[in-house]
Amino acid sequence: MNKLYVGNLSPLVTVEDLKELFGEKKLPGAEQVLLKSGYAFVDFPDQNWAIKAIETLSGKCLSAGADAGMHHYFSVYFS
């Protein structure tokens, strides 16, 4: 597995929000998501998909839950 760090998340973001985001971008994985307040670790099946996730999502905005009116630009890195 290739684990990615996803940072600068709103404390209101849920595991389901992250899985939905990865699904919308057609990125496999996100099978295992360890979510903490403000960040998460996400497992991808191989390095190519992990790199694709970084290229697709790093610096993008995620609005989720009750916090949907606020913008949080998050970072995605290899952990």
N, C-alpha and C. Protein backbone atom coordinates (compact mmCIF):
# COMPACT_ATOMS: atom_id res chain seq x y z
N MET A 1 0.83 -1.18 0.00
CA MET A 1 0.00 0.00 0.00
C MET A 1 0.88 1.25 0.00
N ASN A 2 0.35 2.30 -0.57
CA ASN A 2 1.01 3.60 -0.58
C ASN A 2 0.15 4.58 0.20
N LYS A 3 0.66 5.01 1.31
CA LYS A 3 -0.10 5.86 2.20
C LYS A 3 0.18 7.32 1.88
N LEU A 4 -0.90 8.11 1.77
CA LEU A 4 -0.79 9.55 1.54
C LEU A 4 -1.28 10.30 2.76
N TYR A 5 -0.62 11.41 3.03
CA TYR A 5 -1.05 12.34 4.06
C TYR A 5 -1.93 13.38 3.38
N VAL A 6 -3.11 13.62 3.92
CA VAL A 6 -4.02 14.65 3.42
C VAL A 6 -4.19 15.65 4.56
N GLY A 7 -3.70 16.87 4.35
CA GLY A 7 -3.69 17.84 5.43
C GLY A 7 -4.55 19.05 5.17
N ASN A 8 -4.67 19.87 6.20
CA ASN A 8 -5.43 21.12 6.19
C ASN A 8 -6.92 20.87 5.96
N LEU A 9 -7.43 19.80 6.55
CA LEU A 9 -8.85 19.49 6.43
C LEU A 9 -9.65 20.20 7.51
N SER A 10 -10.86 20.54 7.19
CA SER A 10 -11.78 21.08 8.19
C SER A 10 -12.02 20.00 9.24
N PRO A 11 -12.17 20.37 10.48
CA PRO A 11 -12.49 19.38 11.51
C PRO A 11 -13.83 18.69 11.27
N LEU A 12 -14.66 19.26 10.41
CA LEU A 12 -15.97 18.68 10.12
C LEU A 12 -15.96 17.66 8.99
N VAL A 13 -14.83 17.50 8.30
CA VAL A 13 -14.73 16.52 7.22
C VAL A 13 -14.79 15.12 7.81
N THR A 14 -15.54 14.24 7.15
CA THR A 14 -15.69 12.86 7.62
C THR A 14 -14.97 11.90 6.68
N VAL A 15 -14.82 10.67 7.13
CA VAL A 15 -14.25 9.62 6.27
C VAL A 15 -15.09 9.48 5.01
N GLU A 16 -16.41 9.54 5.16
CA GLU A 16 -17.30 9.41 4.01
C GLU A 16 -17.09 10.55 3.01
N ASP A 17 -16.84 11.77 3.51
CA ASP A 17 -16.55 12.90 2.62
C ASP A 17 -15.30 12.63 1.79
N LEU A 18 -14.26 12.11 2.42
CA LEU A 18 -13.02 11.83 1.70
C LEU A 18 -13.21 10.72 0.69
N LYS A 19 -13.90 9.65 1.09
CA LYS A 19 -14.14 8.54 0.15
C LYS A 19 -14.96 9.02 -1.04
N GLU A 20 -15.94 9.88 -0.78
CA GLU A 20 -16.76 10.42 -1.87
C GLU A 20 -15.90 11.28 -2.81
N LEU A 21 -15.03 12.09 -2.25
CA LEU A 21 -14.16 12.94 -3.07
C LEU A 21 -13.26 12.08 -3.97
N PHE A 22 -12.63 11.07 -3.40
CA PHE A 22 -11.76 10.21 -4.20
C PHE A 22 -12.56 9.47 -5.25
N GLY A 23 -13.77 9.04 -4.92
CA GLY A 23 -14.64 8.37 -5.89
C GLY A 23 -15.04 9.29 -7.03
N GLU A 24 -15.37 10.56 -6.71
CA GLU A 24 -15.74 11.53 -7.75
C GLU A 24 -14.60 11.76 -8.73
N LYS A 25 -13.37 11.70 -8.24
CA LYS A 25 -12.19 11.92 -9.09
C LYS A 25 -11.72 10.63 -9.75
N LYS A 26 -12.50 9.56 -9.55
CA LYS A 26 -12.19 8.25 -10.13
C LYS A 26 -10.81 7.73 -9.69
N LEU A 27 -10.52 7.93 -8.42
CA LEU A 27 -9.27 7.45 -7.84
C LEU A 27 -9.58 6.22 -6.98
N PRO A 28 -9.03 5.07 -7.33
CA PRO A 28 -9.27 3.89 -6.51
C PRO A 28 -8.55 4.04 -5.18
N GLY A 29 -8.92 3.22 -4.28
CA GLY A 29 -8.27 3.30 -2.98
C GLY A 29 -9.20 3.93 -2.01
N ALA A 30 -8.65 4.74 -1.15
CA ALA A 30 -9.42 5.33 -0.07
C ALA A 30 -10.18 4.24 0.66
N GLU A 31 -9.69 3.00 0.54
CA GLU A 31 -10.31 1.88 1.24
C GLU A 31 -10.05 2.02 2.72
N GLN A 32 -8.83 2.39 3.04
CA GLN A 32 -8.47 2.60 4.43
C GLN A 32 -8.16 4.07 4.63
N VAL A 33 -8.95 4.71 5.45
CA VAL A 33 -8.77 6.13 5.75
C VAL A 33 -8.68 6.28 7.25
N LEU A 34 -7.56 6.83 7.72
CA LEU A 34 -7.40 7.14 9.13
C LEU A 34 -7.54 8.64 9.27
N LEU A 35 -8.65 9.08 9.82
CA LEU A 35 -8.96 10.50 9.92
C LEU A 35 -8.75 11.01 11.33
N LYS A 36 -8.00 12.09 11.44
CA LYS A 36 -7.80 12.80 12.70
C LYS A 36 -8.34 14.21 12.50
N SER A 37 -8.30 15.02 13.52
CA SER A 37 -8.80 16.39 13.40
C SER A 37 -7.85 17.21 12.54
N GLY A 38 -8.28 17.54 11.31
CA GLY A 38 -7.49 18.38 10.43
C GLY A 38 -6.61 17.66 9.43
N TYR A 39 -6.49 16.34 9.55
CA TYR A 39 -5.68 15.59 8.59
C TYR A 39 -6.13 14.14 8.52
N ALA A 40 -5.63 13.44 7.49
CA ALA A 40 -5.96 12.03 7.33
C ALA A 40 -4.81 11.31 6.62
N PHE A 41 -4.78 10.00 6.77
CA PHE A 41 -3.90 9.14 6.00
C PHE A 41 -4.80 8.24 5.16
N VAL A 42 -4.48 8.15 3.87
CA VAL A 42 -5.30 7.37 2.93
C VAL A 42 -4.40 6.38 2.20
N ASP A 43 -4.81 5.12 2.17
CA ASP A 43 -4.06 4.08 1.48
C ASP A 43 -4.52 3.93 0.05
N PHE A 44 -3.55 3.79 -0.87
CA PHE A 44 -3.83 3.52 -2.27
C PHE A 44 -3.19 2.20 -2.66
N PRO A 45 -3.76 1.51 -3.66
CA PRO A 45 -3.27 0.17 -4.01
C PRO A 45 -1.85 0.15 -4.57
N ASP A 46 -1.42 1.22 -5.24
CA ASP A 46 -0.05 1.25 -5.76
C ASP A 46 0.43 2.69 -5.91
N GLN A 47 1.70 2.83 -6.18
CA GLN A 47 2.32 4.14 -6.25
C GLN A 47 1.75 5.00 -7.38
N ASN A 48 1.41 4.40 -8.51
CA ASN A 48 0.86 5.18 -9.63
C ASN A 48 -0.43 5.88 -9.24
N TRP A 49 -1.32 5.18 -8.54
CA TRP A 49 -2.57 5.80 -8.11
C TRP A 49 -2.33 6.85 -7.04
N ALA A 50 -1.36 6.61 -6.19
CA ALA A 50 -1.03 7.60 -5.16
C ALA A 50 -0.52 8.89 -5.81
N ILE A 51 0.33 8.76 -6.81
CA ILE A 51 0.84 9.93 -7.53
C ILE A 51 -0.29 10.64 -8.25
N LYS A 52 -1.19 9.88 -8.85
CA LYS A 52 -2.35 10.48 -9.54
C LYS A 52 -3.20 11.27 -8.54
N ALA A 53 -3.38 10.75 -7.33
CA ALA A 53 -4.14 11.46 -6.30
C ALA A 53 -3.47 12.77 -5.94
N ILE A 54 -2.16 12.76 -5.81
CA ILE A 54 -1.42 14.00 -5.49
C ILE A 54 -1.62 15.01 -6.61
N GLU A 55 -1.43 14.57 -7.84
CA GLU A 55 -1.56 15.48 -8.99
C GLU A 55 -2.99 16.03 -9.12
N THR A 56 -3.97 15.21 -8.82
CA THR A 56 -5.37 15.59 -9.00
C THR A 56 -5.89 16.47 -7.87
N LEU A 57 -5.46 16.20 -6.65
CA LEU A 57 -6.12 16.82 -5.50
C LEU A 57 -5.31 17.85 -4.73
N SER A 58 -3.99 17.83 -4.82
CA SER A 58 -3.19 18.74 -4.01
C SER A 58 -3.53 20.19 -4.32
N GLY A 59 -3.82 20.95 -3.28
CA GLY A 59 -4.16 22.36 -3.44
C GLY A 59 -5.60 22.61 -3.81
N LYS A 60 -6.41 21.56 -3.90
CA LYS A 60 -7.82 21.73 -4.25
C LYS A 60 -8.63 22.08 -3.02
N CYS A 61 -9.84 22.52 -3.26
CA CYS A 61 -10.74 22.94 -2.19
C CYS A 61 -11.72 21.83 -1.88
N LEU A 62 -11.92 21.57 -0.60
CA LEU A 62 -12.91 20.58 -0.16
C LEU A 62 -13.85 21.26 0.82
N SER A 63 -15.12 21.28 0.48
CA SER A 63 -16.15 21.79 1.38
C SER A 63 -17.02 20.61 1.75
N ALA A 64 -17.24 20.44 3.04
CA ALA A 64 -17.99 19.26 3.47
C ALA A 64 -18.82 19.54 4.70
N GLY A 65 -19.85 18.78 4.83
CA GLY A 65 -20.68 18.83 6.02
C GLY A 65 -21.26 20.21 6.27
N ALA A 66 -21.39 20.55 7.53
CA ALA A 66 -21.96 21.83 7.92
C ALA A 66 -21.04 22.99 7.57
N ASP A 67 -19.81 22.66 7.19
CA ASP A 67 -18.79 23.66 6.88
C ASP A 67 -18.78 23.97 5.38
N ALA A 68 -19.81 23.59 4.64
CA ALA A 68 -19.80 23.68 3.18
C ALA A 68 -19.62 25.09 2.67
N GLY A 69 -19.96 26.10 3.45
CA GLY A 69 -19.77 27.48 3.00
C GLY A 69 -18.34 27.97 3.14
N MET A 70 -17.51 27.24 3.87
CA MET A 70 -16.12 27.65 4.07
C MET A 70 -15.23 26.85 3.14
N HIS A 71 -14.13 27.42 2.73
CA HIS A 71 -13.21 26.76 1.80
C HIS A 71 -11.95 26.34 2.54
N HIS A 72 -11.57 25.10 2.36
CA HIS A 72 -10.34 24.57 2.94
C HIS A 72 -9.54 23.95 1.81
N TYR A 73 -8.40 24.55 1.52
CA TYR A 73 -7.51 24.01 0.50
C TYR A 73 -6.60 23.01 1.19
N PHE A 74 -6.60 21.80 0.69
CA PHE A 74 -5.83 20.80 1.39
C PHE A 74 -4.63 20.32 0.59
N SER A 75 -3.70 19.70 1.28
CA SER A 75 -2.46 19.22 0.69
C SER A 75 -2.46 17.70 0.72
N VAL A 76 -1.84 17.10 -0.29
CA VAL A 76 -1.72 15.65 -0.36
C VAL A 76 -0.25 15.32 -0.62
N TYR A 77 0.33 14.50 0.25
CA TYR A 77 1.75 14.13 0.16
C TYR A 77 1.92 12.66 0.48
N PHE A 78 3.05 12.08 0.04
CA PHE A 78 3.43 10.74 0.50
C PHE A 78 3.77 10.86 1.97
N SER A 79 3.34 9.89 2.75
CA SER A 79 3.68 9.94 4.17
C SER A 79 4.88 9.05 4.44
